[in-house]
Amino acid sequence: MKRQTAIDYYGSIPKLAQALKITYEAVRQWGDEVPELRQYQLEKLTDGKLKAGQKSRPQSVA
């Protein structure tokens, strides 16, 4: 799950951080992807509206 998707769902970084009971700074440190365990937490908090999934990886060229 992309960090921006979670931010957009909650409307702002502070609101996302509050939902997860973490700091604003913690969310800012995630990079582009939400950490895997946080993805599952967000899936549960949003009743499945946000879906946990594996990190995006480039496809290998054979």
C-alpha atoms as a PDB file:
ATOM      1  CA  MET A   1       0.000   0.000   0.000  1.00  0.00           C
ATOM      2  CA  LYS A   2       1.296   3.395  -0.909  1.00  0.00           C
ATOM      3  CA  ARG A   3       1.721   5.916   1.880  1.00  0.00           C
ATOM      4  CA  GLN A   4      -0.150   8.549  -0.131  1.00  0.00           C
ATOM      5  CA  THR A   5      -3.183   6.239  -0.443  1.00  0.00           C
ATOM      6  CA  ALA A   6      -3.429   6.006   3.358  1.00  0.00           C
ATOM      7  CA  ILE A   7      -2.907   9.762   3.746  1.00  0.00           C
ATOM      8  CA  ASP A   8      -5.613  10.474   1.176  1.00  0.00           C
ATOM      9  CA  TYR A   9      -8.039   8.137   2.965  1.00  0.00           C
ATOM     10  CA  TYR A  10      -7.592   9.916   6.294  1.00  0.00           C
ATOM     11  CA  GLY A  11      -7.200  13.382   4.794  1.00  0.00           C
ATOM     12  CA  SER A  12      -3.837  14.284   6.309  1.00  0.00           C
ATOM     13  CA  ILE A  13      -0.706  12.853   7.905  1.00  0.00           C
ATOM     14  CA  PRO A  14      -1.747  13.980  11.413  1.00  0.00           C
ATOM     15  CA  LYS A  15      -5.131  12.228  11.090  1.00  0.00           C
ATOM     16  CA  LEU A  16      -3.475   9.055   9.772  1.00  0.00           C
ATOM     17  CA  ALA A  17      -0.973   9.116  12.625  1.00  0.00           C
ATOM     18  CA  GLN A  18      -3.764   9.638  15.152  1.00  0.00           C
ATOM     19  CA  ALA A  19      -5.724   6.668  13.773  1.00  0.00           C
ATOM     20  CA  LEU A  20      -2.652   4.465  14.191  1.00  0.00           C
ATOM     21  CA  LYS A  21      -1.747   6.014  17.573  1.00  0.00           C
ATOM     22  CA  ILE A  22       1.717   6.941  16.326  1.00  0.00           C
ATOM     23  CA  THR A  23       3.508  10.232  15.748  1.00  0.00           C
ATOM     24  CA  TYR A  24       3.407  12.435  12.692  1.00  0.00           C
ATOM     25  CA  GLU A  25       7.180  11.926  12.387  1.00  0.00           C
ATOM     26  CA  ALA A  26       6.773   8.148  12.277  1.00  0.00           C
ATOM     27  CA  VAL A  27       4.475   8.420   9.255  1.00  0.00           C
ATOM     28  CA  ARG A  28       6.898  10.831   7.564  1.00  0.00           C
ATOM     29  CA  GLN A  29       9.696   8.255   7.879  1.00  0.00           C
ATOM     30  CA  TRP A  30       7.847   5.495   6.010  1.00  0.00           C
ATOM     31  CA  GLY A  31       8.990   6.414   2.537  1.00  0.00           C
ATOM     32  CA  ASP A  32       6.709   5.530  -0.376  1.00  0.00           C
ATOM     33  CA  GLU A  33       5.289   2.294   1.074  1.00  0.00           C
ATOM     34  CA  VAL A  34       3.402   1.763   4.335  1.00  0.00           C
ATOM     35  CA  PRO A  35       5.255  -0.814   6.467  1.00  0.00           C
ATOM     36  CA  GLU A  36       3.676  -4.254   6.159  1.00  0.00           C
ATOM     37  CA  LEU A  37       2.347  -4.546   9.718  1.00  0.00           C
ATOM     38  CA  ARG A  38       0.865  -1.046   9.514  1.00  0.00           C
ATOM     39  CA  GLN A  39      -0.862  -2.074   6.278  1.00  0.00           C
ATOM     40  CA  TYR A  40      -2.674  -4.865   8.105  1.00  0.00           C
ATOM     41  CA  GLN A  41      -3.548  -2.487  10.921  1.00  0.00           C
ATOM     42  CA  LEU A  42      -4.988   0.002   8.418  1.00  0.00           C
ATOM     43  CA  GLU A  43      -6.950  -2.742   6.657  1.00  0.00           C
ATOM     44  CA  LYS A  44      -8.571  -3.664   9.976  1.00  0.00           C
ATOM     45  CA  LEU A  45      -9.181  -0.041  11.015  1.00  0.00           C
ATOM     46  CA  THR A  46     -10.850   0.774   7.687  1.00  0.00           C
ATOM     47  CA  ASP A  47     -12.930  -2.426   7.553  1.00  0.00           C
ATOM     48  CA  GLY A  48     -11.089  -3.462   4.404  1.00  0.00           C
ATOM     49  CA  LYS A  49     -11.405  -0.189   2.509  1.00  0.00           C
ATOM     50  CA  LEU A  50      -7.610  -0.027   2.479  1.00  0.00           C
ATOM     51  CA  LYS A  51      -6.054  -3.368   1.550  1.00  0.00           C
ATOM     52  CA  ALA A  52      -2.778  -4.765   2.795  1.00  0.00           C
ATOM     53  CA  GLY A  53      -0.559  -6.159   0.089  1.00  0.00           C
ATOM     54  CA  GLN A  54       2.988  -6.926  -0.779  1.00  0.00           C
ATOM     55  CA  LYS A  55       5.399  -4.155  -1.613  1.00  0.00           C
ATOM     56  CA  SER A  56       5.565  -3.131  -5.210  1.00  0.00           C
ATOM     57  CA  ARG A  57       8.547  -4.755  -6.847  1.00  0.00           C
ATOM     58  CA  PRO A  58       9.847  -4.370 -10.357  1.00  0.00           C
ATOM     59  CA  GLN A  59       9.251  -7.425 -12.486  1.00  0.00           C
ATOM     60  CA  SER A  60      12.368  -9.370 -13.328  1.00  0.00           C
ATOM     61  CA  VAL A  61      13.343  -9.651 -16.936  1.00  0.00           C
ATOM     62  CA  ALA A  62      14.196 -13.179 -18.053  1.00  0.00           C
END
